[in-house]
Every structure is written in C-alpha cells, then in structure tokens.
Amino acid sequence: MKKIALAAALSVAASTAFAGGMATPVMEETPVVAEVVQGSSSNGGLLIPLLLLLVLAAAASNA
C-alpha cells in the first residue's frame, strides 16, 4: 500500500512539473538610437578641390 501511495505522489509531482512544457524564451530588443555627428561643412567641401588644384598646378609646372 505504501508503494501505491508513493507512486501516486510521484506521478502527481511529475505531472505538475511538466504541465507547462518548455516555452521558448522571448528576448525583448531595446531600440538603438544612432546619433549622427556632423563635422564642420567649411573644411569638408574645400579639401578635395584644393588638392585637385594643387595637383593640376604641379602638373602644369612640370610640363
């Protein structure tokens, strides 16, 4: 009789332990805010034309 009571207790404990099943974990993503850093526009637009003018002047002086 003790074995039947022990088996019944274990079956009840096992059924409640697996009642929910295995659920996939849900990971919440936090939004990523990207900050745009703008440089000064006065130097950015002048560097390439000045370098091009320097190369053209050097090529004209050698010719």
PDB file of N, CA and C in Angstrom:
ATOM      1  N   MET A   1       0.809  -1.182   0.000  1.00  0.00           N
ATOM      2  CA  MET A   1       0.000   0.000   0.000  1.00  0.00           C
ATOM      3  C   MET A   1       0.866   1.265   0.000  1.00  0.00           C
ATOM      4  N   LYS A   2       2.021   1.192   0.686  1.00  0.00           N
ATOM      5  CA  LYS A   2       2.917   2.338   0.725  1.00  0.00           C
ATOM      6  C   LYS A   2       3.501   2.610  -0.661  1.00  0.00           C
ATOM      7  N   LYS A   3       3.740   1.536  -1.412  1.00  0.00           N
ATOM      8  CA  LYS A   3       4.302   1.717  -2.754  1.00  0.00           C
ATOM      9  C   LYS A   3       3.289   2.384  -3.678  1.00  0.00           C
ATOM     10  N   ILE A   4       2.022   2.052  -3.526  1.00  0.00           N
ATOM     11  CA  ILE A   4       0.988   2.660  -4.361  1.00  0.00           C
ATOM     12  C   ILE A   4       0.849   4.144  -4.020  1.00  0.00           C
ATOM     13  N   ALA A   5       0.902   4.472  -2.747  1.00  0.00           N
ATOM     14  CA  ALA A   5       0.804   5.870  -2.320  1.00  0.00           C
ATOM     15  C   ALA A   5       2.022   6.655  -2.799  1.00  0.00           C
ATOM     16  N   LEU A   6       3.198   6.045  -2.737  1.00  0.00           N
ATOM     17  CA  LEU A   6       4.419   6.703  -3.209  1.00  0.00           C
ATOM     18  C   LEU A   6       4.371   6.900  -4.715  1.00  0.00           C
ATOM     19  N   ALA A   7       3.904   5.909  -5.439  1.00  0.00           N
ATOM     20  CA  ALA A   7       3.785   6.034  -6.887  1.00  0.00           C
ATOM     21  C   ALA A   7       2.775   7.109  -7.265  1.00  0.00           C
ATOM     22  N   ALA A   8       1.677   7.192  -6.548  1.00  0.00           N
ATOM     23  CA  ALA A   8       0.669   8.220  -6.822  1.00  0.00           C
ATOM     24  C   ALA A   8       1.224   9.606  -6.530  1.00  0.00           C
ATOM     25  N   ALA A   9       1.966   9.735  -5.450  1.00  0.00           N
ATOM     26  CA  ALA A   9       2.548  11.040  -5.104  1.00  0.00           C
ATOM     27  C   ALA A   9       3.582  11.466  -6.141  1.00  0.00           C
ATOM     28  N   LEU A  10       4.394  10.528  -6.591  1.00  0.00           N
ATOM     29  CA  LEU A  10       5.407  10.853  -7.601  1.00  0.00           C
ATOM     30  C   LEU A  10       4.769  11.189  -8.945  1.00  0.00           C
ATOM     31  N   SER A  11       3.702  10.507  -9.307  1.00  0.00           N
ATOM     32  CA  SER A  11       3.048  10.799 -10.582  1.00  0.00           C
ATOM     33  C   SER A  11       2.378  12.167 -10.556  1.00  0.00           C
ATOM     34  N   VAL A  12       1.823  12.545  -9.407  1.00  0.00           N
ATOM     35  CA  VAL A  12       1.225  13.875  -9.287  1.00  0.00           C
ATOM     36  C   VAL A  12       2.304  14.949  -9.360  1.00  0.00           C
ATOM     37  N   ALA A  13       3.423  14.712  -8.691  1.00  0.00           N
ATOM     38  CA  ALA A  13       4.519  15.688  -8.703  1.00  0.00           C
ATOM     39  C   ALA A  13       5.126  15.804 -10.097  1.00  0.00           C
ATOM     40  N   ALA A  14       5.243  14.694 -10.800  1.00  0.00           N
ATOM     41  CA  ALA A  14       5.822  14.729 -12.139  1.00  0.00           C
ATOM     42  C   ALA A  14       4.886  15.392 -13.132  1.00  0.00           C
ATOM     43  N   SER A  15       3.592  15.176 -12.992  1.00  0.00           N
ATOM     44  CA  SER A  15       2.661  15.772 -13.949  1.00  0.00           C
ATOM     45  C   SER A  15       2.579  17.283 -13.776  1.00  0.00           C
ATOM     46  N   THR A  16       2.702  17.796 -12.553  1.00  0.00           N
ATOM     47  CA  THR A  16       2.667  19.248 -12.353  1.00  0.00           C
ATOM     48  C   THR A  16       3.991  19.886 -12.765  1.00  0.00           C
ATOM     49  N   ALA A  17       5.067  19.149 -12.692  1.00  0.00           N
ATOM     50  CA  ALA A  17       6.352  19.711 -13.068  1.00  0.00           C
ATOM     51  C   ALA A  17       6.436  19.919 -14.582  1.00  0.00           C
ATOM     52  N   PHE A  18       5.806  19.030 -15.352  1.00  0.00           N
ATOM     53  CA  PHE A  18       5.873  19.129 -16.800  1.00  0.00           C
ATOM     54  C   PHE A  18       4.584  19.667 -17.412  1.00  0.00           C
ATOM     55  N   ALA A  19       3.722  20.247 -16.608  1.00  0.00           N
ATOM     56  CA  ALA A  19       2.432  20.708 -17.111  1.00  0.00           C
ATOM     57  C   ALA A  19       2.587  21.869 -18.083  1.00  0.00           C
ATOM     58  N   GLY A  20       3.522  22.770 -17.803  1.00  0.00           N
ATOM     59  CA  GLY A  20       3.666  23.947 -18.661  1.00  0.00           C
ATOM     60  C   GLY A  20       4.424  23.670 -19.931  1.00  0.00           C
ATOM     61  N   GLY A  21       5.256  22.675 -19.922  1.00  0.00           N
ATOM     62  CA  GLY A  21       6.066  22.398 -21.099  1.00  0.00           C
ATOM     63  C   GLY A  21       7.223  23.376 -21.205  1.00  0.00           C
ATOM     64  N   MET A  22       7.996  23.205 -22.240  1.00  0.00           N
ATOM     65  CA  MET A  22       9.167  24.055 -22.457  1.00  0.00           C
ATOM     66  C   MET A  22       8.784  25.186 -23.398  1.00  0.00           C
ATOM     67  N   ALA A  23       8.819  26.381 -22.905  1.00  0.00           N
ATOM     68  CA  ALA A  23       8.479  27.544 -23.723  1.00  0.00           C
ATOM     69  C   ALA A  23       9.760  28.203 -24.203  1.00  0.00           C
ATOM     70  N   THR A  24       9.727  28.721 -25.417  1.00  0.00           N
ATOM     71  CA  THR A  24      10.897  29.422 -25.936  1.00  0.00           C
ATOM     72  C   THR A  24      11.003  30.780 -25.253  1.00  0.00           C
ATOM     73  N   PRO A  25      12.189  31.159 -24.827  1.00  0.00           N
ATOM     74  CA  PRO A  25      12.340  32.452 -24.148  1.00  0.00           C
ATOM     75  C   PRO A  25      12.160  33.607 -25.135  1.00  0.00           C
ATOM     76  N   VAL A  26      11.476  34.631 -24.695  1.00  0.00           N
ATOM     77  CA  VAL A  26      11.244  35.808 -25.519  1.00  0.00           C
ATOM     78  C   VAL A  26      12.192  36.895 -25.047  1.00  0.00           C
ATOM     79  N   MET A  27      13.058  37.329 -25.937  1.00  0.00           N
ATOM     80  CA  MET A  27      14.012  38.380 -25.592  1.00  0.00           C
ATOM     81  C   MET A  27      13.527  39.686 -26.202  1.00  0.00           C
ATOM     82  N   GLU A  28      13.344  40.668 -25.360  1.00  0.00           N
ATOM     83  CA  GLU A  28      12.900  41.964 -25.841  1.00  0.00           C
ATOM     84  C   GLU A  28      14.106  42.753 -26.327  1.00  0.00           C
ATOM     85  N   GLU A  29      13.961  43.310 -27.521  1.00  0.00           N
ATOM     86  CA  GLU A  29      15.052  44.103 -28.079  1.00  0.00           C
ATOM     87  C   GLU A  29      14.898  45.555 -27.666  1.00  0.00           C
ATOM     88  N   THR A  30      15.987  46.130 -27.207  1.00  0.00           N
ATOM     89  CA  THR A  30      15.945  47.542 -26.864  1.00  0.00           C
ATOM     90  C   THR A  30      16.271  48.347 -28.115  1.00  0.00           C
ATOM     91  N   PRO A  31      15.557  49.417 -28.375  1.00  0.00           N
ATOM     92  CA  PRO A  31      15.835  50.207 -29.584  1.00  0.00           C
ATOM     93  C   PRO A  31      17.190  50.899 -29.475  1.00  0.00           C
ATOM     94  N   VAL A  32      17.900  50.891 -30.569  1.00  0.00           N
ATOM     95  CA  VAL A  32      19.220  51.515 -30.628  1.00  0.00           C
ATOM     96  C   VAL A  32      19.067  52.849 -31.344  1.00  0.00           C
ATOM     97  N   VAL A  33      19.480  53.898 -30.678  1.00  0.00           N
ATOM     98  CA  VAL A  33      19.393  55.236 -31.259  1.00  0.00           C
ATOM     99  C   VAL A  33      20.786  55.640 -31.706  1.00  0.00           C
ATOM    100  N   ALA A  34      20.919  55.863 -32.997  1.00  0.00           N
ATOM    101  CA  ALA A  34      22.216  56.268 -33.553  1.00  0.00           C
ATOM    102  C   ALA A  34      22.262  57.783 -33.655  1.00  0.00           C
ATOM    103  N   GLU A  35      23.331  58.342 -33.139  1.00  0.00           N
ATOM    104  CA  GLU A  35      23.499  59.787 -33.210  1.00  0.00           C
ATOM    105  C   GLU A  35      24.402  60.122 -34.392  1.00  0.00           C
ATOM    106  N   VAL A  36      23.973  61.069 -35.186  1.00  0.00           N
ATOM    107  CA  VAL A  36      24.747  61.491 -36.346  1.00  0.00           C
ATOM    108  C   VAL A  36      25.575  62.700 -35.940  1.00  0.00           C
ATOM    109  N   VAL A  37      26.874  62.542 -36.076  1.00  0.00           N
ATOM    110  CA  VAL A  37      27.777  63.635 -35.730  1.00  0.00           C
ATOM    111  C   VAL A  37      28.187  64.316 -37.026  1.00  0.00           C
ATOM    112  N   GLN A  38      27.842  65.574 -37.135  1.00  0.00           N
ATOM    113  CA  GLN A  38      28.178  66.309 -38.344  1.00  0.00           C
ATOM    114  C   GLN A  38      29.419  67.142 -38.103  1.00  0.00           C
ATOM    115  N   GLY A  39      30.344  67.027 -39.028  1.00  0.00           N
ATOM    116  CA  GLY A  39      31.545  67.839 -38.941  1.00  0.00           C
ATOM    117  C   GLY A  39      31.282  69.220 -39.495  1.00  0.00           C
ATOM    118  N   SER A  40      32.258  70.060 -39.403  1.00  0.00           N
ATOM    119  CA  SER A  40      32.073  71.406 -39.938  1.00  0.00           C
ATOM    120  C   SER A  40      32.066  71.333 -41.461  1.00  0.00           C
ATOM    121  N   SER A  41      31.135  71.989 -42.078  1.00  0.00           N
ATOM    122  CA  SER A  41      30.986  71.916 -43.529  1.00  0.00           C
ATOM    123  C   SER A  41      31.964  72.829 -44.253  1.00  0.00           C
ATOM    124  N   SER A  42      32.631  73.715 -43.542  1.00  0.00           N
ATOM    125  CA  SER A  42      33.527  74.650 -44.210  1.00  0.00           C
ATOM    126  C   SER A  42      34.796  73.951 -44.701  1.00  0.00           C
ATOM    127  N   ASN A  43      35.328  72.991 -43.944  1.00  0.00           N
ATOM    128  CA  ASN A  43      36.556  72.318 -44.365  1.00  0.00           C
ATOM    129  C   ASN A  43      36.281  71.111 -45.253  1.00  0.00           C
ATOM    130  N   GLY A  44      35.140  70.455 -45.088  1.00  0.00           N
ATOM    131  CA  GLY A  44      34.850  69.241 -45.835  1.00  0.00           C
ATOM    132  C   GLY A  44      34.687  69.476 -47.321  1.00  0.00           C
ATOM    133  N   GLY A  45      34.098  70.573 -47.711  1.00  0.00           N
ATOM    134  CA  GLY A  45      33.862  70.846 -49.129  1.00  0.00           C
ATOM    135  C   GLY A  45      35.046  71.471 -49.826  1.00  0.00           C
ATOM    136  N   LEU A  46      36.025  71.953 -49.091  1.00  0.00           N
ATOM    137  CA  LEU A  46      37.159  72.641 -49.702  1.00  0.00           C
ATOM    138  C   LEU A  46      38.402  71.778 -49.868  1.00  0.00           C
ATOM    139  N   LEU A  47      38.487  70.698 -49.135  1.00  0.00           N
ATOM    140  CA  LEU A  47      39.714  69.907 -49.135  1.00  0.00           C
ATOM    141  C   LEU A  47      39.980  69.243 -50.486  1.00  0.00           C
ATOM    142  N   ILE A  48      39.003  68.606 -51.059  1.00  0.00           N
ATOM    143  CA  ILE A  48      39.211  67.885 -52.326  1.00  0.00           C
ATOM    144  C   ILE A  48      39.470  68.844 -53.492  1.00  0.00           C
ATOM    145  N   PRO A  49      38.704  69.926 -53.643  1.00  0.00           N
ATOM    146  CA  PRO A  49      39.037  70.855 -54.732  1.00  0.00           C
ATOM    147  C   PRO A  49      40.422  71.498 -54.582  1.00  0.00           C
ATOM    148  N   LEU A  50      40.832  71.789 -53.341  1.00  0.00           N
ATOM    149  CA  LEU A  50      42.171  72.363 -53.148  1.00  0.00           C
ATOM    150  C   LEU A  50      43.269  71.361 -53.512  1.00  0.00           C
ATOM    151  N   LEU A  51      43.068  70.102 -53.153  1.00  0.00           N
ATOM    152  CA  LEU A  51      44.045  69.080 -53.531  1.00  0.00           C
ATOM    153  C   LEU A  51      44.090  68.891 -55.045  1.00  0.00           C
ATOM    154  N   LEU A  52      42.938  68.942 -55.697  1.00  0.00           N
ATOM    155  CA  LEU A  52      42.884  68.819 -57.154  1.00  0.00           C
ATOM    156  C   LEU A  52      43.586  69.998 -57.815  1.00  0.00           C
ATOM    157  N   LEU A  53      43.372  71.178 -57.276  1.00  0.00           N
ATOM    158  CA  LEU A  53      44.039  72.373 -57.824  1.00  0.00           C
ATOM    159  C   LEU A  53      45.544  72.289 -57.611  1.00  0.00           C
ATOM    160  N   LEU A  54      45.983  71.770 -56.483  1.00  0.00           N
ATOM    161  CA  LEU A  54      47.407  71.605 -56.216  1.00  0.00           C
ATOM    162  C   LEU A  54      48.044  70.613 -57.186  1.00  0.00           C
ATOM    163  N   VAL A  55      47.353  69.514 -57.471  1.00  0.00           N
ATOM    164  CA  VAL A  55      47.880  68.504 -58.403  1.00  0.00           C
ATOM    165  C   VAL A  55      47.929  69.097 -59.817  1.00  0.00           C
ATOM    166  N   LEU A  56      46.908  69.827 -60.208  1.00  0.00           N
ATOM    167  CA  LEU A  56      46.927  70.441 -61.545  1.00  0.00           C
ATOM    168  C   LEU A  56      48.033  71.487 -61.670  1.00  0.00           C
ATOM    169  N   ALA A  57      48.275  72.262 -60.633  1.00  0.00           N
ATOM    170  CA  ALA A  57      49.343  73.249 -60.660  1.00  0.00           C
ATOM    171  C   ALA A  57      50.716  72.586 -60.743  1.00  0.00           C
ATOM    172  N   ALA A  58      50.885  71.478 -60.035  1.00  0.00           N
ATOM    173  CA  ALA A  58      52.151  70.750 -60.088  1.00  0.00           C
ATOM    174  C   ALA A  58      52.363  70.133 -61.469  1.00  0.00           C
ATOM    175  N   ALA A  59      51.298  69.624 -62.081  1.00  0.00           N
ATOM    176  CA  ALA A  59      51.415  69.024 -63.400  1.00  0.00           C
ATOM    177  C   ALA A  59      51.696  70.102 -64.447  1.00  0.00           C
ATOM    178  N   ALA A  60      51.127  71.291 -64.275  1.00  0.00           N
ATOM    179  CA  ALA A  60      51.356  72.384 -65.249  1.00  0.00           C
ATOM    180  C   ALA A  60      52.769  72.938 -65.140  1.00  0.00           C
ATOM    181  N   SER A  61      53.334  72.930 -63.950  1.00  0.00           N
ATOM    182  CA  SER A  61      54.683  73.470 -63.794  1.00  0.00           C
ATOM    183  C   SER A  61      55.732  72.500 -64.339  1.00  0.00           C
ATOM    184  N   ASN A  62      55.463  71.228 -64.392  1.00  0.00           N
ATOM    185  CA  ASN A  62      56.416  70.247 -64.929  1.00  0.00           C
ATOM    186  C   ASN A  62      56.320  70.127 -66.429  1.00  0.00           C
ATOM    187  N   ALA A  63      55.261  70.569 -67.026  1.00  0.00           N
ATOM    188  CA  ALA A  63      55.086  70.390 -68.472  1.00  0.00           C
ATOM    189  C   ALA A  63      55.761  71.448 -69.281  1.00  0.00           C
TER     190      ALA A  63
END
